[in-house]
């Protein structure tokens, strides 16, 4: 069983913040995969369900971001899980908007939610890093992440959330590579094959049609004129 944790801050006024993209991702997963209604437990909101035969628990800590580790630790103890069974989905300012990466272990890079999780369960858990972009200067980071996504962000944000939801069964199955493939199919879908090759085929087809309507070229060494044409040409 996997514990999928989305980081964010509880309350309606934080719901649209960049810092809450982890909550958004879990809400999309729960909705798309038919998980039951959220209920309060382990200092957070949880929903237990399955992706096929793989059982998973979704957790949104309600301790506020800086104390997220308390809720994660409580849930781990209840379900008797280790750090390797935990995957945390969080905002990442060091990735461009729309970029998604998966990693296991490593530092918290100053992210207060991860810092708290580190302090309570150690660093050896999985993370899904959801890029939200950087404001350009470190002094602007707090106000940037604690602000709603812009309207211009909605298209890529929807693609990311759908991709994460599509790949969630692979997170539960412990296959991050297939998870990333599912995300990529939403964020960077394959293009149709109607580019240059298609144009070449169309051009070739048009040339073929035109050639079929032209008279055939005479074979070398054979005079193509009729007997009447030859006679007329003698008296010109």
Protein backbone atom coordinates (compact mmCIF):
# COMPACT_ATOMS: atom_id res chain seq x y z
CA UNK A 1 0.00 0.00 0.00
CA UNK A 2 1.15 3.54 -0.78
CA UNK A 3 0.47 6.75 1.10
CA UNK A 4 0.09 9.60 -1.41
CA UNK A 5 0.50 12.95 0.36
CA UNK A 6 -0.42 16.28 -1.20
CA UNK A 7 1.08 19.35 0.45
CA UNK A 8 -0.84 22.58 0.91
CA UNK A 9 -2.60 24.79 3.42
CA UNK A 10 -6.17 24.10 4.60
CA UNK A 11 -8.96 26.61 4.07
CA UNK A 12 -10.78 28.20 1.15
CA UNK A 13 -8.54 31.27 1.01
CA UNK A 14 -5.51 29.10 0.20
CA UNK A 15 -7.24 26.73 -2.23
CA UNK A 16 -6.01 28.38 -5.44
CA UNK A 17 -2.46 29.11 -4.28
CA UNK A 18 0.59 27.76 -6.08
CA UNK A 19 1.65 26.27 -2.72
CA UNK A 20 -1.52 24.14 -2.83
CA UNK A 21 -0.88 22.31 -6.08
CA UNK A 22 -0.31 19.12 -4.05
CA UNK A 23 -3.84 19.37 -2.65
CA UNK A 24 -5.17 20.05 -6.16
CA UNK A 25 -3.45 16.94 -7.51
CA UNK A 26 -4.94 14.69 -4.82
CA UNK A 27 -8.41 16.16 -5.35
CA UNK A 28 -8.16 15.33 -9.06
CA UNK A 29 -6.93 11.81 -8.34
CA UNK A 30 -9.74 11.16 -5.87
CA UNK A 31 -12.37 12.49 -8.28
CA UNK A 32 -11.10 10.68 -11.39
CA UNK A 33 -10.60 7.30 -9.70
CA UNK A 34 -13.76 7.15 -7.64
CA UNK A 35 -12.22 7.41 -4.17
CA UNK A 36 -14.71 7.92 -1.32
CA UNK A 37 -15.43 11.25 0.35
CA UNK A 38 -12.66 12.84 2.38
CA UNK A 39 -12.79 12.34 6.14
CA UNK A 40 -10.84 13.93 8.97
CA UNK A 41 -8.17 11.69 10.44
CA UNK A 42 -4.45 11.76 11.34
CA UNK A 43 -4.44 15.58 11.54
CA UNK A 44 -5.57 15.75 7.93
CA UNK A 45 -8.13 14.70 5.36
CA UNK A 46 -7.85 11.16 4.03
CA UNK A 47 -9.50 9.02 1.39
CA UNK A 48 -8.79 5.29 1.05
CA UNK A 49 -9.28 3.49 -2.23
CA UNK A 50 -7.79 1.23 -4.86
CA UNK A 51 -6.21 1.45 -8.28
CA UNK A 52 -7.12 -2.00 -9.49
CA UNK A 53 -5.54 -4.39 -7.00
CA UNK A 54 -3.25 -1.74 -5.48
CA UNK A 55 -4.55 -0.13 -2.31
CA UNK A 56 -3.68 3.51 -1.60
CA UNK A 57 -4.40 6.21 0.95
CA UNK A 58 -4.61 9.85 -0.09
CA UNK A 59 -3.66 12.35 2.63
CA UNK A 60 -3.95 16.14 2.73
CA UNK A 61 -2.34 17.35 5.98
CA UNK A 62 -4.39 20.05 7.73
CA UNK A 63 -1.62 21.15 10.06
CA UNK A 64 -0.61 23.97 7.69
CA UNK A 65 2.42 23.56 5.48
CA UNK A 66 5.14 24.08 8.11
CA UNK A 67 3.89 21.14 10.22
CA UNK A 68 2.94 18.71 7.44
CA UNK A 69 5.27 16.04 8.83
CA UNK A 70 3.12 15.56 11.93
CA UNK A 71 0.17 14.38 9.85
CA UNK A 72 2.34 12.22 7.59
CA UNK A 73 3.97 10.53 10.56
CA UNK A 74 0.62 9.86 12.24
CA UNK A 75 -0.78 8.24 9.09
CA UNK A 76 2.36 6.13 8.62
CA UNK A 77 2.12 4.79 12.17
CA UNK A 78 -1.56 3.93 11.78
CA UNK A 79 -1.07 2.05 8.50
CA UNK A 80 2.30 0.59 9.56
CA UNK A 81 4.15 2.05 6.59
CA UNK A 82 7.78 3.01 6.06
CA UNK A 83 9.24 6.04 4.24
CA UNK A 84 9.56 3.99 1.03
CA UNK A 85 5.75 3.67 1.00
CA UNK A 86 5.25 7.45 1.06
CA UNK A 87 5.05 9.71 -2.00
CA UNK A 88 4.71 13.46 -1.45
CA UNK A 89 3.31 15.71 -4.19
CA UNK A 90 4.39 19.33 -3.82
CA UNK A 91 5.03 22.64 -5.57
CA UNK A 92 8.54 23.15 -6.95
CA UNK A 93 9.78 26.66 -7.76
CA UNK A 94 13.00 25.31 -9.29
CA UNK A 95 11.05 23.71 -12.14
CA UNK A 96 9.37 25.65 -14.94
CA UNK A 97 5.57 25.79 -14.90
CA UNK A 98 4.14 22.55 -16.25
CA UNK A 99 7.28 20.48 -15.62
CA UNK A 100 6.95 17.37 -13.46
CA UNK A 101 9.70 15.22 -12.00
CA UNK A 102 9.82 12.22 -9.70
CA UNK A 103 12.63 11.50 -7.25
CA UNK A 104 13.33 9.49 -4.12
CA UNK A 105 15.40 10.87 -1.26
CA UNK A 106 17.50 14.01 -1.29
CA UNK A 107 17.22 17.35 0.44
CA UNK A 108 14.21 19.58 1.03
CA UNK A 109 15.67 22.60 -0.86
CA UNK A 110 14.17 25.00 1.66
CA UNK A 111 10.57 23.88 1.07
CA UNK A 112 8.90 24.23 4.47
CA UNK A 113 6.52 21.32 3.93
CA UNK A 114 9.32 18.98 2.94
CA UNK A 115 11.45 20.29 5.77
CA UNK A 116 8.76 19.20 8.23
CA UNK A 117 8.34 15.79 6.56
CA UNK A 118 12.12 15.30 6.70
CA UNK A 119 12.14 16.11 10.41
CA UNK A 120 9.44 13.52 11.18
CA UNK A 121 10.17 10.57 8.87
CA UNK A 122 13.60 11.23 7.34
CA UNK A 123 14.47 11.92 3.67
CA UNK A 124 13.95 8.48 2.13
CA UNK A 125 10.49 8.96 0.67
CA UNK A 126 9.30 9.59 -2.88
CA UNK A 127 8.44 13.02 -4.21
CA UNK A 128 6.52 14.26 -7.22
CA UNK A 129 7.84 17.74 -7.92
CA UNK A 130 5.23 19.90 -9.64
CA UNK A 131 6.84 22.91 -11.31
CA UNK A 132 5.25 26.30 -10.67
CA UNK A 133 8.15 28.51 -11.78
CA UNK A 134 10.28 31.03 -9.88
CA UNK A 135 9.39 34.70 -9.31
CA UNK A 136 12.95 35.76 -10.16
CA UNK A 137 14.24 36.72 -6.71
CA UNK A 138 14.31 34.72 -3.51
CA UNK A 139 12.75 37.58 -1.52
CA UNK A 140 9.61 37.28 -3.66
CA UNK A 141 9.17 33.53 -3.20
CA UNK A 142 6.83 33.59 -0.14
CA UNK A 143 4.33 35.98 -1.73
CA UNK A 144 4.62 34.17 -5.07
CA UNK A 145 3.74 30.69 -3.79
CA UNK A 146 1.09 32.10 -1.45
CA UNK A 147 -0.81 33.59 -4.36
CA UNK A 148 -3.38 32.16 -6.75
CA UNK A 149 -2.35 30.75 -10.10
CA UNK A 150 -2.86 33.29 -12.89
CA UNK A 151 -5.60 32.76 -15.49
CA UNK A 152 -2.86 32.21 -18.08
CA UNK A 153 -1.68 29.20 -16.06
CA UNK A 154 -4.96 27.31 -16.18
CA UNK A 155 -4.34 25.35 -19.39
CA UNK A 156 -0.98 23.87 -18.43
CA UNK A 157 -2.15 23.40 -14.85
CA UNK A 158 -5.12 21.34 -16.00
CA UNK A 159 -2.85 19.23 -18.21
CA UNK A 160 -0.48 18.57 -15.29
CA UNK A 161 -3.27 17.63 -12.89
CA UNK A 162 -4.86 15.30 -15.43
CA UNK A 163 -1.49 13.75 -16.19
CA UNK A 164 -0.75 13.14 -12.51
CA UNK A 165 -4.18 11.58 -12.12
CA UNK A 166 -3.64 9.37 -15.18
CA UNK A 167 -0.33 8.19 -13.71
CA UNK A 168 -1.50 7.74 -10.12
CA UNK A 169 -2.09 3.98 -10.51
CA UNK A 170 1.58 3.61 -11.44
CA UNK A 171 2.63 5.52 -8.33
CA UNK A 172 0.57 3.08 -6.27
CA UNK A 173 2.17 0.19 -8.16
CA UNK A 174 5.68 1.52 -7.48
CA UNK A 175 6.53 2.23 -11.13
CA UNK A 176 7.63 5.90 -11.40
CA UNK A 177 8.80 5.52 -15.00
CA UNK A 178 5.31 4.61 -16.20
CA UNK A 179 3.91 7.40 -14.02
CA UNK A 180 6.13 9.90 -15.82
CA UNK A 181 5.08 8.48 -19.19
CA UNK A 182 1.43 9.06 -18.32
CA UNK A 183 2.16 12.65 -17.32
CA UNK A 184 4.11 13.26 -20.53
CA UNK A 185 1.20 12.05 -22.67
CA UNK A 186 -0.93 14.82 -21.18
CA UNK A 187 1.67 17.58 -20.96
CA UNK A 188 3.53 16.81 -24.23
CA UNK A 189 1.14 14.75 -26.37
CA UNK A 190 2.60 13.20 -29.55
CA UNK A 191 2.05 15.32 -32.65
CA UNK A 192 0.12 14.01 -35.65
CA UNK A 193 2.17 12.89 -38.67
CA UNK A 194 0.89 15.55 -41.10
CA UNK A 195 3.98 17.69 -41.33
CA UNK A 196 6.69 17.72 -43.98
CA UNK A 197 6.29 14.04 -44.81
CA UNK A 198 2.57 14.53 -45.35
CA UNK A 199 3.26 17.50 -47.62
CA UNK A 200 5.77 15.44 -49.61
CA UNK A 201 3.20 12.70 -50.08
CA UNK A 202 0.59 15.20 -51.24
CA UNK A 203 3.04 16.77 -53.69
CA UNK A 204 4.07 13.40 -55.04
CA UNK A 205 0.44 12.45 -55.51
CA UNK A 206 -0.34 15.63 -57.43
CA UNK A 207 2.66 15.14 -59.71
CA UNK A 208 1.61 11.59 -60.38
CA UNK A 209 -1.86 12.71 -61.44
CA UNK A 210 -0.49 15.36 -63.81
CA UNK A 211 1.98 12.91 -65.35
CA UNK A 212 -0.80 10.44 -66.10
CA UNK A 213 -2.62 13.06 -68.25
CA UNK A 214 0.45 13.99 -70.36
CA UNK A 215 1.23 12.12 -73.62
CA UNK A 216 3.91 9.47 -73.22
CA UNK A 217 7.41 10.45 -74.33
CA UNK A 218 8.60 8.76 -77.59
CA UNK A 219 11.10 5.96 -77.31
CA UNK A 220 14.65 6.84 -78.44
CA UNK A 221 15.31 6.33 -82.20
CA UNK A 222 11.63 6.19 -83.25
CA UNK A 223 10.01 9.01 -85.26
CA UNK A 224 6.71 9.75 -83.56
CA UNK A 225 5.13 11.42 -86.70
CA UNK A 226 2.33 9.71 -88.59
CA UNK A 227 2.65 8.93 -92.35
CA UNK A 228 0.41 11.92 -93.23
CA UNK A 229 2.52 14.27 -91.07
CA UNK A 230 5.70 13.04 -92.79
CA UNK A 231 4.15 13.69 -96.27
CA UNK A 232 2.97 17.17 -95.32
CA UNK A 233 6.35 18.05 -93.86
CA UNK A 234 8.05 17.22 -97.23
CA UNK A 235 6.11 19.99 -99.07
CA UNK A 236 6.57 22.76 -96.46
